[in-house]
Amino acid sequence: MFKRPSKTKQPESETHAYEYCMFLLNIRLRSEGELRYGMTQRGYTENVIEQVINRLFELKYIDDSRFLEILVDNYKKYKNYGYMMIKKKLMEKRLSRSTIESGMDEYFTPEDELVVAKRFIKKEKLTVNSQEDKQKLVRKLQTRGFRMDAIMKVLSAHVD
């Protein structure tokens, strides 16, 4: 479906690599890891990649902590994902584990997860009339990445 990026004919060209990164950043905000991966796939040398990444940091075109904050905020507002699903999505964006751990603790609190879980239940119009319904709801919430303590709190609030 998608075609692989072709190898560059100028693997030593810092200007060419910088323009490629700017092209990617014009499409959408990206993490440092995504840009490194993209340039590696294109065949740029390690030295060129380092120089371009450092230049982008100096110009403040990439900032992983800000990128993480924006993504978590968007997932929190517009997607019905739990803590674990958001963490998985952030890992797919090639963010470092330490950045993800600190950012998730700061930007996605247990209270936020509870709000999102309640919104998901309301959106899905799920009811708990029997033990089977309760198990079905737990499975749905687990597949959306919600932690068990949030699921139990939502269930206790939803059943009462």
N, C-alpha and C. Protein backbone atom coordinates (compact mmCIF):
# COMPACT_ATOMS: atom_id res chain seq x y z
N MET A 1 0.82 -1.17 0.00
CA MET A 1 0.00 0.00 0.00
C MET A 1 0.88 1.25 0.00
N PHE A 2 1.72 1.38 1.04
CA PHE A 2 2.64 2.50 1.07
C PHE A 2 3.95 2.07 0.46
N LYS A 3 4.55 2.96 -0.27
CA LYS A 3 5.82 2.59 -0.84
C LYS A 3 6.92 3.04 0.09
N ARG A 4 7.97 2.25 0.16
CA ARG A 4 9.10 2.57 1.02
C ARG A 4 9.80 3.82 0.51
N PRO A 5 10.32 4.61 1.44
CA PRO A 5 11.07 5.78 0.99
C PRO A 5 12.32 5.32 0.25
N SER A 6 12.59 5.97 -0.83
CA SER A 6 13.76 5.58 -1.61
C SER A 6 15.01 6.09 -0.93
N LYS A 7 16.10 5.38 -1.17
CA LYS A 7 17.38 5.80 -0.61
C LYS A 7 17.80 7.09 -1.28
N THR A 8 18.41 7.95 -0.48
CA THR A 8 18.84 9.23 -1.02
C THR A 8 20.09 9.05 -1.89
N LYS A 9 20.22 9.92 -2.85
CA LYS A 9 21.40 9.90 -3.70
C LYS A 9 22.51 10.75 -3.08
N GLN A 10 22.17 11.46 -1.99
CA GLN A 10 23.13 12.34 -1.34
C GLN A 10 23.20 12.03 0.16
N PRO A 11 23.76 10.88 0.54
CA PRO A 11 23.77 10.50 1.96
C PRO A 11 24.67 11.38 2.83
N GLU A 12 25.57 12.14 2.22
CA GLU A 12 26.47 13.01 2.97
C GLU A 12 26.00 14.45 3.02
N SER A 13 24.88 14.77 2.38
CA SER A 13 24.42 16.16 2.27
C SER A 13 23.56 16.54 3.49
N GLU A 14 24.11 17.42 4.31
CA GLU A 14 23.37 17.90 5.47
C GLU A 14 22.18 18.74 5.04
N THR A 15 22.34 19.53 4.01
CA THR A 15 21.26 20.38 3.50
C THR A 15 20.10 19.53 3.01
N HIS A 16 20.42 18.49 2.28
CA HIS A 16 19.39 17.60 1.75
C HIS A 16 18.63 16.92 2.89
N ALA A 17 19.36 16.46 3.93
CA ALA A 17 18.73 15.81 5.08
C ALA A 17 17.87 16.80 5.85
N TYR A 18 18.35 18.02 5.99
CA TYR A 18 17.58 19.06 6.70
C TYR A 18 16.28 19.34 5.95
N GLU A 19 16.35 19.45 4.64
CA GLU A 19 15.14 19.70 3.84
C GLU A 19 14.16 18.54 3.95
N TYR A 20 14.68 17.31 4.02
CA TYR A 20 13.83 16.14 4.18
C TYR A 20 13.10 16.21 5.54
N CYS A 21 13.83 16.59 6.60
CA CYS A 21 13.21 16.72 7.92
C CYS A 21 12.16 17.82 7.94
N MET A 22 12.45 18.91 7.29
CA MET A 22 11.48 20.01 7.23
C MET A 22 10.22 19.57 6.47
N PHE A 23 10.41 18.77 5.43
CA PHE A 23 9.27 18.21 4.70
C PHE A 23 8.41 17.37 5.64
N LEU A 24 9.05 16.50 6.43
CA LEU A 24 8.31 15.66 7.37
C LEU A 24 7.62 16.49 8.45
N LEU A 25 8.31 17.51 8.96
CA LEU A 25 7.73 18.35 10.00
C LEU A 25 6.60 19.23 9.48
N ASN A 26 6.60 19.52 8.18
CA ASN A 26 5.50 20.28 7.61
C ASN A 26 4.23 19.45 7.51
N ILE A 27 4.38 18.15 7.42
CA ILE A 27 3.21 17.27 7.36
C ILE A 27 2.55 17.21 8.74
N ARG A 28 3.35 16.93 9.78
CA ARG A 28 2.87 16.89 11.16
C ARG A 28 4.05 16.97 12.10
N LEU A 29 3.76 17.27 13.36
CA LEU A 29 4.78 17.31 14.40
C LEU A 29 5.35 15.91 14.58
N ARG A 30 6.66 15.81 14.78
CA ARG A 30 7.30 14.50 14.94
C ARG A 30 8.29 14.52 16.08
N SER A 31 8.57 13.32 16.58
CA SER A 31 9.56 13.18 17.65
C SER A 31 10.95 13.06 17.05
N GLU A 32 11.93 13.22 17.91
CA GLU A 32 13.32 13.04 17.48
C GLU A 32 13.53 11.63 16.93
N GLY A 33 12.97 10.64 17.62
CA GLY A 33 13.12 9.25 17.19
C GLY A 33 12.53 8.99 15.81
N GLU A 34 11.38 9.59 15.53
CA GLU A 34 10.77 9.42 14.22
C GLU A 34 11.64 10.02 13.12
N LEU A 35 12.19 11.20 13.40
CA LEU A 35 13.05 11.84 12.40
C LEU A 35 14.33 11.05 12.19
N ARG A 36 14.93 10.57 13.28
CA ARG A 36 16.15 9.74 13.16
C ARG A 36 15.85 8.49 12.32
N TYR A 37 14.73 7.84 12.63
CA TYR A 37 14.37 6.63 11.91
C TYR A 37 14.16 6.93 10.43
N GLY A 38 13.44 8.01 10.14
CA GLY A 38 13.19 8.38 8.75
C GLY A 38 14.46 8.66 7.98
N MET A 39 15.37 9.38 8.61
CA MET A 39 16.63 9.69 7.93
C MET A 39 17.49 8.44 7.76
N THR A 40 17.46 7.55 8.75
CA THR A 40 18.21 6.29 8.63
C THR A 40 17.66 5.46 7.48
N GLN A 41 16.33 5.39 7.38
CA GLN A 41 15.70 4.65 6.29
C GLN A 41 16.07 5.22 4.92
N ARG A 42 16.24 6.53 4.87
CA ARG A 42 16.62 7.17 3.61
C ARG A 42 18.09 6.98 3.27
N GLY A 43 18.89 6.56 4.26
CA GLY A 43 20.28 6.25 3.98
C GLY A 43 21.27 7.36 4.32
N TYR A 44 20.86 8.34 5.11
CA TYR A 44 21.80 9.39 5.50
C TYR A 44 22.81 8.83 6.50
N THR A 45 24.01 9.37 6.48
CA THR A 45 25.05 8.89 7.39
C THR A 45 24.76 9.35 8.81
N GLU A 46 25.35 8.63 9.77
CA GLU A 46 25.12 8.93 11.18
C GLU A 46 25.57 10.34 11.53
N ASN A 47 26.68 10.77 10.96
CA ASN A 47 27.20 12.12 11.23
C ASN A 47 26.22 13.20 10.75
N VAL A 48 25.66 13.01 9.56
CA VAL A 48 24.70 13.96 9.00
C VAL A 48 23.44 13.98 9.86
N ILE A 49 22.99 12.82 10.28
CA ILE A 49 21.78 12.73 11.11
C ILE A 49 21.99 13.51 12.41
N GLU A 50 23.13 13.31 13.06
CA GLU A 50 23.42 14.02 14.31
C GLU A 50 23.44 15.52 14.11
N GLN A 51 24.07 15.98 13.04
CA GLN A 51 24.16 17.42 12.77
C GLN A 51 22.77 18.02 12.54
N VAL A 52 21.95 17.33 11.76
CA VAL A 52 20.62 17.84 11.46
C VAL A 52 19.75 17.85 12.71
N ILE A 53 19.80 16.79 13.50
CA ILE A 53 19.01 16.72 14.73
C ILE A 53 19.42 17.84 15.68
N ASN A 54 20.72 18.05 15.84
CA ASN A 54 21.21 19.14 16.71
C ASN A 54 20.73 20.50 16.20
N ARG A 55 20.75 20.69 14.90
CA ARG A 55 20.27 21.95 14.32
C ARG A 55 18.79 22.15 14.59
N LEU A 56 18.00 21.09 14.45
CA LEU A 56 16.56 21.18 14.69
C LEU A 56 16.27 21.47 16.16
N PHE A 57 17.07 20.90 17.07
CA PHE A 57 16.92 21.20 18.49
C PHE A 57 17.24 22.66 18.77
N GLU A 58 18.31 23.16 18.18
CA GLU A 58 18.70 24.56 18.38
C GLU A 58 17.60 25.51 17.89
N LEU A 59 16.99 25.17 16.77
CA LEU A 59 15.93 26.00 16.21
C LEU A 59 14.57 25.75 16.89
N LYS A 60 14.56 24.79 17.82
CA LYS A 60 13.35 24.42 18.57
C LYS A 60 12.23 23.87 17.66
N TYR A 61 12.65 23.19 16.59
CA TYR A 61 11.66 22.54 15.72
C TYR A 61 11.25 21.19 16.27
N ILE A 62 12.10 20.60 17.10
CA ILE A 62 11.72 19.35 17.75
C ILE A 62 11.93 19.50 19.26
N ASP A 63 10.96 19.01 19.99
CA ASP A 63 10.98 19.04 21.45
C ASP A 63 10.10 17.88 21.91
N ASP A 64 10.73 16.79 22.30
CA ASP A 64 9.99 15.58 22.63
C ASP A 64 9.03 15.76 23.81
N SER A 65 9.42 16.55 24.78
CA SER A 65 8.52 16.72 25.93
C SER A 65 7.26 17.50 25.53
N ARG A 66 7.42 18.50 24.69
CA ARG A 66 6.26 19.26 24.20
C ARG A 66 5.41 18.38 23.28
N PHE A 67 6.06 17.59 22.43
CA PHE A 67 5.38 16.66 21.53
C PHE A 67 4.53 15.68 22.34
N LEU A 68 5.11 15.15 23.42
CA LEU A 68 4.40 14.21 24.28
C LEU A 68 3.20 14.88 24.93
N GLU A 69 3.39 16.09 25.42
CA GLU A 69 2.29 16.83 26.07
C GLU A 69 1.12 17.02 25.11
N ILE A 70 1.41 17.41 23.88
CA ILE A 70 0.37 17.63 22.88
C ILE A 70 -0.35 16.32 22.54
N LEU A 71 0.42 15.25 22.34
CA LEU A 71 -0.19 13.96 22.00
C LEU A 71 -1.08 13.44 23.11
N VAL A 72 -0.58 13.48 24.34
CA VAL A 72 -1.37 12.98 25.48
C VAL A 72 -2.65 13.80 25.62
N ASP A 73 -2.53 15.10 25.48
CA ASP A 73 -3.71 15.97 25.58
C ASP A 73 -4.74 15.63 24.49
N ASN A 74 -4.26 15.40 23.27
CA ASN A 74 -5.17 15.02 22.18
C ASN A 74 -5.82 13.67 22.43
N TYR A 75 -5.03 12.69 22.87
CA TYR A 75 -5.60 11.37 23.15
C TYR A 75 -6.62 11.46 24.28
N LYS A 76 -6.33 12.29 25.26
CA LYS A 76 -7.22 12.45 26.42
C LYS A 76 -8.54 13.08 26.00
N LYS A 77 -8.48 14.06 25.12
CA LYS A 77 -9.69 14.79 24.72
C LYS A 77 -10.49 14.09 23.63
N TYR A 78 -9.81 13.50 22.66
CA TYR A 78 -10.51 13.05 21.46
C TYR A 78 -10.56 11.54 21.26
N LYS A 79 -9.78 10.80 22.02
CA LYS A 79 -9.80 9.34 21.91
C LYS A 79 -10.20 8.76 23.25
N ASN A 80 -10.75 7.60 23.23
CA ASN A 80 -11.14 6.95 24.48
C ASN A 80 -10.12 5.86 24.83
N TYR A 81 -8.87 6.29 25.03
CA TYR A 81 -7.80 5.38 25.36
C TYR A 81 -7.45 5.48 26.83
N GLY A 82 -7.09 4.34 27.41
CA GLY A 82 -6.61 4.31 28.78
C GLY A 82 -5.11 4.53 28.82
N TYR A 83 -4.59 4.45 30.02
CA TYR A 83 -3.17 4.72 30.28
C TYR A 83 -2.26 3.83 29.42
N MET A 84 -2.53 2.53 29.43
CA MET A 84 -1.65 1.59 28.73
C MET A 84 -1.70 1.78 27.20
N MET A 85 -2.85 2.09 26.66
CA MET A 85 -2.97 2.30 25.22
C MET A 85 -2.24 3.58 24.80
N ILE A 86 -2.37 4.63 25.60
CA ILE A 86 -1.67 5.87 25.28
C ILE A 86 -0.17 5.64 25.36
N LYS A 87 0.26 4.90 26.36
CA LYS A 87 1.69 4.59 26.49
C LYS A 87 2.19 3.82 25.26
N LYS A 88 1.40 2.88 24.78
CA LYS A 88 1.76 2.11 23.59
C LYS A 88 1.86 3.02 22.37
N LYS A 89 0.89 3.92 22.22
CA LYS A 89 0.89 4.85 21.09
C LYS A 89 2.13 5.75 21.13
N LEU A 90 2.51 6.17 22.32
CA LEU A 90 3.69 7.03 22.45
C LEU A 90 4.97 6.26 22.10
N MET A 91 5.01 4.99 22.45
CA MET A 91 6.17 4.17 22.10
C MET A 91 6.27 4.01 20.58
N GLU A 92 5.13 3.93 19.93
CA GLU A 92 5.12 3.83 18.46
C GLU A 92 5.67 5.11 17.82
N LYS A 93 5.58 6.21 18.54
CA LYS A 93 6.11 7.49 18.05
C LYS A 93 7.61 7.62 18.33
N ARG A 94 8.20 6.54 18.83
CA ARG A 94 9.65 6.47 19.08
C ARG A 94 10.14 7.48 20.11
N LEU A 95 9.35 7.69 21.13
CA LEU A 95 9.78 8.52 22.25
C LEU A 95 10.53 7.65 23.25
N SER A 96 11.46 8.24 23.99
CA SER A 96 12.24 7.46 24.96
C SER A 96 11.35 7.05 26.13
N ARG A 97 11.70 5.93 26.74
CA ARG A 97 10.93 5.41 27.87
C ARG A 97 10.87 6.41 29.02
N SER A 98 12.00 7.05 29.30
CA SER A 98 12.02 7.99 30.42
C SER A 98 11.11 9.20 30.15
N THR A 99 11.10 9.66 28.91
CA THR A 99 10.21 10.78 28.54
C THR A 99 8.76 10.36 28.68
N ILE A 100 8.44 9.16 28.24
CA ILE A 100 7.07 8.66 28.32
C ILE A 100 6.63 8.52 29.78
N GLU A 101 7.47 7.90 30.60
CA GLU A 101 7.11 7.67 32.00
C GLU A 101 6.86 8.99 32.73
N SER A 102 7.78 9.95 32.57
CA SER A 102 7.60 11.22 33.27
C SER A 102 6.41 11.99 32.72
N GLY A 103 6.23 11.96 31.42
CA GLY A 103 5.12 12.68 30.80
C GLY A 103 3.76 12.11 31.14
N MET A 104 3.68 10.79 31.17
CA MET A 104 2.40 10.16 31.50
C MET A 104 2.00 10.46 32.94
N ASP A 105 2.97 10.43 33.84
CA ASP A 105 2.66 10.75 35.24
C ASP A 105 2.17 12.19 35.38
N GLU A 106 2.71 13.07 34.56
CA GLU A 106 2.37 14.49 34.66
C GLU A 106 1.07 14.83 33.92
N TYR A 107 0.88 14.27 32.72
CA TYR A 107 -0.22 14.71 31.85
C TYR A 107 -1.43 13.79 31.82
N PHE A 108 -1.31 12.57 32.35
CA PHE A 108 -2.45 11.65 32.34
C PHE A 108 -2.58 11.02 33.72
N THR A 109 -3.27 11.71 34.59
CA THR A 109 -3.43 11.27 35.97
C THR A 109 -4.50 10.19 36.07
N PRO A 110 -4.56 9.47 37.18
CA PRO A 110 -5.64 8.49 37.37
C PRO A 110 -7.04 9.11 37.27
N GLU A 111 -7.16 10.37 37.69
CA GLU A 111 -8.45 11.05 37.58
C GLU A 111 -8.82 11.27 36.11
N ASP A 112 -7.82 11.62 35.30
CA ASP A 112 -8.06 11.78 33.86
C ASP A 112 -8.51 10.46 33.24
N GLU A 113 -7.87 9.37 33.67
CA GLU A 113 -8.23 8.06 33.14
C GLU A 113 -9.66 7.70 33.51
N LEU A 114 -10.06 8.06 34.71
CA LEU A 114 -11.43 7.80 35.16
C LEU A 114 -12.44 8.57 34.32
N VAL A 115 -12.14 9.82 34.05
CA VAL A 115 -13.03 10.65 33.22
C VAL A 115 -13.16 10.06 31.82
N VAL A 116 -12.05 9.64 31.24
CA VAL A 116 -12.07 9.08 29.89
C VAL A 116 -12.85 7.75 29.88
N ALA A 117 -12.67 6.94 30.90
CA ALA A 117 -13.40 5.66 30.98
C ALA A 117 -14.91 5.89 31.08
N LYS A 118 -15.31 6.87 31.88
CA LYS A 118 -16.74 7.19 32.00
C LYS A 118 -17.28 7.69 30.66
N ARG A 119 -16.50 8.51 29.98
CA ARG A 119 -16.92 9.02 28.67
C ARG A 119 -17.07 7.88 27.67
N PHE A 120 -16.16 6.90 27.73
CA PHE A 120 -16.22 5.75 26.84
C PHE A 120 -17.48 4.93 27.10
N ILE A 121 -17.79 4.68 28.36
CA ILE A 121 -18.99 3.91 28.70
C ILE A 121 -20.24 4.64 28.23
N LYS A 122 -20.28 5.95 28.43
CA LYS A 122 -21.43 6.73 28.01
C LYS A 122 -21.58 6.71 26.49
N LYS A 123 -20.45 6.83 25.79
CA LYS A 123 -20.48 6.84 24.33
C LYS A 123 -20.96 5.49 23.78
N GLU A 124 -20.48 4.43 24.37
CA GLU A 124 -20.84 3.09 23.91
C GLU A 124 -22.23 2.65 24.38
N LYS A 125 -22.82 3.45 25.26
CA LYS A 125 -24.14 3.15 25.82
C LYS A 125 -24.18 1.75 26.45
N LEU A 126 -23.14 1.49 27.25
CA LEU A 126 -23.02 0.18 27.88
C LEU A 126 -23.77 0.16 29.20
N THR A 127 -24.50 -0.91 29.43
CA THR A 127 -25.24 -1.07 30.68
C THR A 127 -24.75 -2.32 31.40
N VAL A 128 -24.88 -2.32 32.69
CA VAL A 128 -24.46 -3.46 33.50
C VAL A 128 -25.69 -4.02 34.20
N ASN A 129 -26.32 -5.00 33.56
CA ASN A 129 -27.51 -5.62 34.13
C ASN A 129 -27.23 -6.99 34.72
N SER A 130 -26.14 -7.60 34.29
CA SER A 130 -25.82 -8.94 34.79
C SER A 130 -24.31 -9.07 34.94
N GLN A 131 -23.90 -10.19 35.48
CA GLN A 131 -22.47 -10.47 35.64
C GLN A 131 -21.79 -10.56 34.27
N GLU A 132 -22.51 -11.10 33.31
CA GLU A 132 -21.97 -11.21 31.95
C GLU A 132 -21.73 -9.83 31.33
N ASP A 133 -22.65 -8.91 31.56
CA ASP A 133 -22.48 -7.53 31.08
C ASP A 133 -21.27 -6.87 31.73
N LYS A 134 -21.11 -7.14 33.02
CA LYS A 134 -19.98 -6.58 33.76
C LYS A 134 -18.66 -7.09 33.19
N GLN A 135 -18.59 -8.38 32.90
CA GLN A 135 -17.37 -8.96 32.33
C GLN A 135 -17.10 -8.40 30.93
N LYS A 136 -18.15 -8.22 30.17
CA LYS A 136 -18.01 -7.67 28.83
C LYS A 136 -17.46 -6.24 28.89
N LEU A 137 -17.98 -5.47 29.83
CA LEU A 137 -17.53 -4.09 30.01
C LEU A 137 -16.06 -4.06 30.44
N VAL A 138 -15.69 -4.93 31.35
CA VAL A 138 -14.29 -5.00 31.80
C VAL A 138 -13.38 -5.33 30.63
N ARG A 139 -13.76 -6.29 29.81
CA ARG A 139 -12.94 -6.66 28.64
C ARG A 139 -12.80 -5.50 27.67
N LYS A 140 -13.92 -4.81 27.42
CA LYS A 140 -13.86 -3.65 26.50
C LYS A 140 -12.92 -2.59 27.02
N LEU A 141 -13.01 -2.30 28.31
CA LEU A 141 -12.15 -1.28 28.89
C LEU A 141 -10.68 -1.72 28.88
N GLN A 142 -10.44 -3.00 29.12
CA GLN A 142 -9.07 -3.50 29.09
C GLN A 142 -8.48 -3.42 27.68
N THR A 143 -9.27 -3.72 26.68
CA THR A 143 -8.74 -3.64 25.31
C THR A 143 -8.47 -2.21 24.89
N ARG A 144 -9.11 -1.25 25.55
CA ARG A 144 -8.84 0.17 25.27
C ARG A 144 -7.66 0.69 26.09
N GLY A 145 -7.06 -0.18 26.91
CA GLY A 145 -5.85 0.19 27.63
C GLY A 145 -6.05 0.76 29.01
N PHE A 146 -7.22 0.59 29.58
CA PHE A 146 -7.47 1.11 30.92
C PHE A 146 -6.88 0.17 31.96
N ARG A 147 -6.33 0.76 33.02
CA ARG A 147 -5.77 -0.03 34.12
C ARG A 147 -6.90 -0.57 34.98
N MET A 148 -6.62 -1.67 35.66
CA MET A 148 -7.66 -2.36 36.43
C MET A 148 -8.23 -1.51 37.56
N ASP A 149 -7.41 -0.69 38.21
CA ASP A 149 -7.95 0.13 39.29
C ASP A 149 -8.95 1.15 38.76
N ALA A 150 -8.70 1.71 37.58
CA ALA A 150 -9.65 2.65 36.97
C ALA A 150 -10.93 1.92 36.56
N ILE A 151 -10.78 0.71 36.06
CA ILE A 151 -11.94 -0.07 35.64
C ILE A 151 -12.83 -0.37 36.85
N MET A 152 -12.21 -0.75 37.96
CA MET A 152 -12.99 -1.07 39.15
C MET A 152 -13.71 0.16 39.70
N LYS A 153 -13.06 1.30 39.68
CA LYS A 153 -13.70 2.54 40.15
C LYS A 153 -14.87 2.91 39.26
N VAL A 154 -14.70 2.78 37.95
CA VAL A 154 -15.79 3.10 37.03
C VAL A 154 -16.95 2.14 37.21
N LEU A 155 -16.64 0.87 37.37
CA LEU A 155 -17.70 -0.12 37.59
C LEU A 155 -18.48 0.16 38.86
N SER A 156 -17.77 0.47 39.93
CA SER A 156 -18.47 0.73 41.19
C SER A 156 -19.34 1.98 41.08
N ALA A 157 -18.87 2.98 40.36
CA ALA A 157 -19.66 4.19 40.16
C ALA A 157 -20.82 3.94 39.20
N HIS A 158 -20.59 3.08 38.21
CA HIS A 158 -21.60 2.83 37.17
C HIS A 158 -22.72 1.93 37.69
N VAL A 159 -22.38 0.99 38.57
CA VAL A 159 -23.38 0.05 39.08
C VAL A 159 -24.25 0.71 40.13
N ASP A 160 -23.64 1.56 40.97
CA ASP A 160 -24.39 2.20 42.07
C ASP A 160 -25.44 3.15 41.61
